[in-house]
N, C-alpha and C. Protein backbone atom coordinates (compact mmCIF):
# COMPACT_ATOMS: atom_id res chain seq x y z
N UNK A 1 44.27 4.90 85.69
CA UNK A 1 45.01 4.79 86.94
C UNK A 1 45.07 3.32 87.35
N UNK A 2 46.23 2.95 87.87
CA UNK A 2 46.43 1.59 88.35
C UNK A 2 46.63 1.64 89.86
N UNK A 3 46.20 0.58 90.55
CA UNK A 3 46.36 0.49 92.00
C UNK A 3 47.65 -0.23 92.35
N UNK A 4 48.29 0.28 93.39
CA UNK A 4 49.53 -0.29 93.93
C UNK A 4 49.36 -0.37 95.44
N UNK A 5 49.86 -1.44 96.04
CA UNK A 5 49.75 -1.60 97.49
C UNK A 5 51.10 -1.25 98.11
N UNK A 6 51.04 -0.33 99.08
CA UNK A 6 52.22 0.07 99.84
C UNK A 6 52.11 -0.51 101.24
N UNK A 7 53.18 -1.13 101.69
CA UNK A 7 53.23 -1.69 103.04
C UNK A 7 54.58 -1.35 103.66
N UNK A 8 54.58 -0.89 104.90
CA UNK A 8 55.81 -0.61 105.65
C UNK A 8 55.72 -1.31 107.00
N UNK A 9 56.87 -1.82 107.45
CA UNK A 9 56.93 -2.62 108.68
C UNK A 9 58.01 -2.10 109.62
N UNK A 10 57.80 -2.32 110.92
CA UNK A 10 58.87 -2.16 111.90
C UNK A 10 59.68 -3.45 111.93
N UNK A 11 60.85 -3.42 112.54
CA UNK A 11 61.69 -4.63 112.63
C UNK A 11 60.98 -5.75 113.37
N UNK A 12 60.07 -5.40 114.27
CA UNK A 12 59.32 -6.40 115.03
C UNK A 12 58.27 -7.11 114.18
N UNK A 13 58.01 -6.55 112.98
CA UNK A 13 56.98 -7.11 112.11
C UNK A 13 55.67 -6.35 112.17
N UNK A 14 55.58 -5.40 113.09
CA UNK A 14 54.36 -4.58 113.19
C UNK A 14 54.17 -3.77 111.90
N UNK A 15 52.97 -3.80 111.37
CA UNK A 15 52.66 -3.07 110.15
C UNK A 15 52.43 -1.60 110.48
N UNK A 16 53.20 -0.73 109.83
CA UNK A 16 53.04 0.71 110.01
C UNK A 16 52.04 1.29 109.02
N UNK A 17 52.11 0.84 107.78
CA UNK A 17 51.21 1.29 106.72
C UNK A 17 50.84 0.09 105.86
N UNK A 18 49.61 0.02 105.46
CA UNK A 18 49.13 -0.96 104.48
C UNK A 18 48.01 -0.26 103.71
N UNK A 19 48.40 0.36 102.60
CA UNK A 19 47.48 1.22 101.88
C UNK A 19 47.51 0.93 100.38
N UNK A 20 46.45 1.33 99.71
CA UNK A 20 46.39 1.25 98.25
C UNK A 20 46.59 2.66 97.71
N UNK A 21 47.57 2.80 96.84
CA UNK A 21 47.85 4.08 96.18
C UNK A 21 47.56 3.91 94.69
N UNK A 22 47.16 4.96 94.03
CA UNK A 22 46.87 4.92 92.59
C UNK A 22 47.85 5.82 91.82
N UNK A 23 48.38 5.28 90.73
CA UNK A 23 49.29 6.01 89.87
C UNK A 23 48.94 5.69 88.42
N UNK A 24 49.39 6.54 87.51
CA UNK A 24 49.12 6.36 86.09
C UNK A 24 49.83 5.15 85.50
N UNK A 25 51.07 4.90 85.94
CA UNK A 25 51.87 3.80 85.40
C UNK A 25 53.00 3.46 86.38
N UNK A 26 53.80 2.45 86.04
CA UNK A 26 54.88 2.02 86.94
C UNK A 26 55.93 3.09 87.16
N UNK A 27 56.27 3.83 86.12
CA UNK A 27 57.29 4.88 86.25
C UNK A 27 56.84 5.94 87.26
N UNK A 28 55.58 6.35 87.17
CA UNK A 28 55.03 7.33 88.12
C UNK A 28 54.95 6.72 89.51
N UNK A 29 54.57 5.46 89.59
CA UNK A 29 54.48 4.78 90.88
C UNK A 29 55.83 4.77 91.57
N UNK A 30 56.87 4.48 90.82
CA UNK A 30 58.21 4.42 91.40
C UNK A 30 58.66 5.80 91.87
N UNK A 31 58.53 6.82 91.03
CA UNK A 31 58.99 8.16 91.36
C UNK A 31 58.14 8.81 92.46
N UNK A 32 56.84 8.82 92.26
CA UNK A 32 55.95 9.48 93.22
C UNK A 32 55.82 8.66 94.50
N UNK A 33 55.88 7.35 94.37
CA UNK A 33 55.83 6.48 95.55
C UNK A 33 57.02 6.72 96.47
N UNK A 34 58.21 6.86 95.88
CA UNK A 34 59.41 7.12 96.68
C UNK A 34 59.29 8.45 97.43
N UNK A 35 58.75 9.45 96.78
CA UNK A 35 58.55 10.75 97.43
C UNK A 35 57.58 10.61 98.61
N UNK A 36 56.50 9.88 98.41
CA UNK A 36 55.51 9.69 99.48
C UNK A 36 56.11 8.92 100.65
N UNK A 37 56.92 7.93 100.36
CA UNK A 37 57.58 7.15 101.41
C UNK A 37 58.48 8.05 102.25
N UNK A 38 59.22 8.93 101.60
CA UNK A 38 60.09 9.85 102.32
C UNK A 38 59.27 10.84 103.15
N UNK A 39 58.18 11.33 102.59
CA UNK A 39 57.31 12.26 103.34
C UNK A 39 56.74 11.62 104.60
N UNK A 40 56.44 10.34 104.53
CA UNK A 40 55.87 9.63 105.68
C UNK A 40 56.93 9.23 106.70
N UNK A 41 58.21 9.42 106.34
CA UNK A 41 59.30 9.13 107.27
C UNK A 41 59.61 7.67 107.45
N UNK A 42 59.30 6.84 106.45
CA UNK A 42 59.56 5.41 106.58
C UNK A 42 60.56 4.89 105.54
N UNK A 43 61.35 5.79 104.96
CA UNK A 43 62.32 5.39 103.93
C UNK A 43 63.35 4.40 104.49
N UNK A 44 63.67 4.49 105.77
CA UNK A 44 64.66 3.59 106.38
C UNK A 44 64.02 2.31 106.92
N UNK A 45 62.69 2.26 106.97
CA UNK A 45 61.98 1.07 107.44
C UNK A 45 61.85 0.06 106.29
N UNK A 46 61.61 -1.18 106.64
CA UNK A 46 61.31 -2.17 105.62
C UNK A 46 59.98 -1.79 104.97
N UNK A 47 59.98 -1.70 103.64
CA UNK A 47 58.76 -1.33 102.93
C UNK A 47 58.77 -1.90 101.53
N UNK A 48 57.57 -1.93 100.94
CA UNK A 48 57.43 -2.41 99.56
C UNK A 48 56.24 -1.71 98.91
N UNK A 49 56.35 -1.59 97.60
CA UNK A 49 55.26 -1.09 96.77
C UNK A 49 55.12 -2.08 95.64
N UNK A 50 53.95 -2.68 95.52
CA UNK A 50 53.72 -3.70 94.49
C UNK A 50 52.52 -3.32 93.64
N UNK A 51 52.54 -3.78 92.38
CA UNK A 51 51.38 -3.54 91.52
C UNK A 51 50.31 -4.59 91.80
N UNK A 52 49.20 -4.52 91.11
CA UNK A 52 48.08 -5.43 91.39
C UNK A 52 48.39 -6.88 91.06
N UNK A 53 49.43 -7.11 90.23
CA UNK A 53 49.85 -8.47 89.90
C UNK A 53 50.90 -9.00 90.88
N UNK A 54 51.33 -8.16 91.83
CA UNK A 54 52.31 -8.58 92.82
C UNK A 54 53.75 -8.26 92.46
N UNK A 55 53.97 -7.57 91.33
CA UNK A 55 55.34 -7.21 90.92
C UNK A 55 55.87 -6.11 91.83
N UNK A 56 57.10 -6.30 92.35
CA UNK A 56 57.71 -5.31 93.20
C UNK A 56 58.11 -4.08 92.39
N UNK A 57 57.68 -2.93 92.82
CA UNK A 57 58.04 -1.67 92.18
C UNK A 57 59.12 -0.99 93.02
N UNK A 58 58.95 -0.98 94.32
CA UNK A 58 59.93 -0.47 95.27
C UNK A 58 60.05 -1.47 96.42
N UNK A 59 61.27 -1.63 96.93
CA UNK A 59 61.48 -2.55 98.05
C UNK A 59 62.69 -2.11 98.83
N UNK A 60 62.59 -2.11 100.14
CA UNK A 60 63.72 -1.77 101.02
C UNK A 60 63.65 -2.65 102.25
N UNK A 61 64.79 -3.21 102.64
CA UNK A 61 64.86 -4.04 103.85
C UNK A 61 65.52 -3.27 104.95
């Protein structure tokens, strides 16, 4: 399992979520991460999911 950091923000810059999620690989992180983002109701908010090296896996402005 690899760790990925998920962060979501309001337009004001307030952090809504800043969490570490674990997935088997980047493909799973992208697919399952998107589902989790939608479940949390922040798909329309600015958010990002990055791997431990800082590579963007998911990003929305």
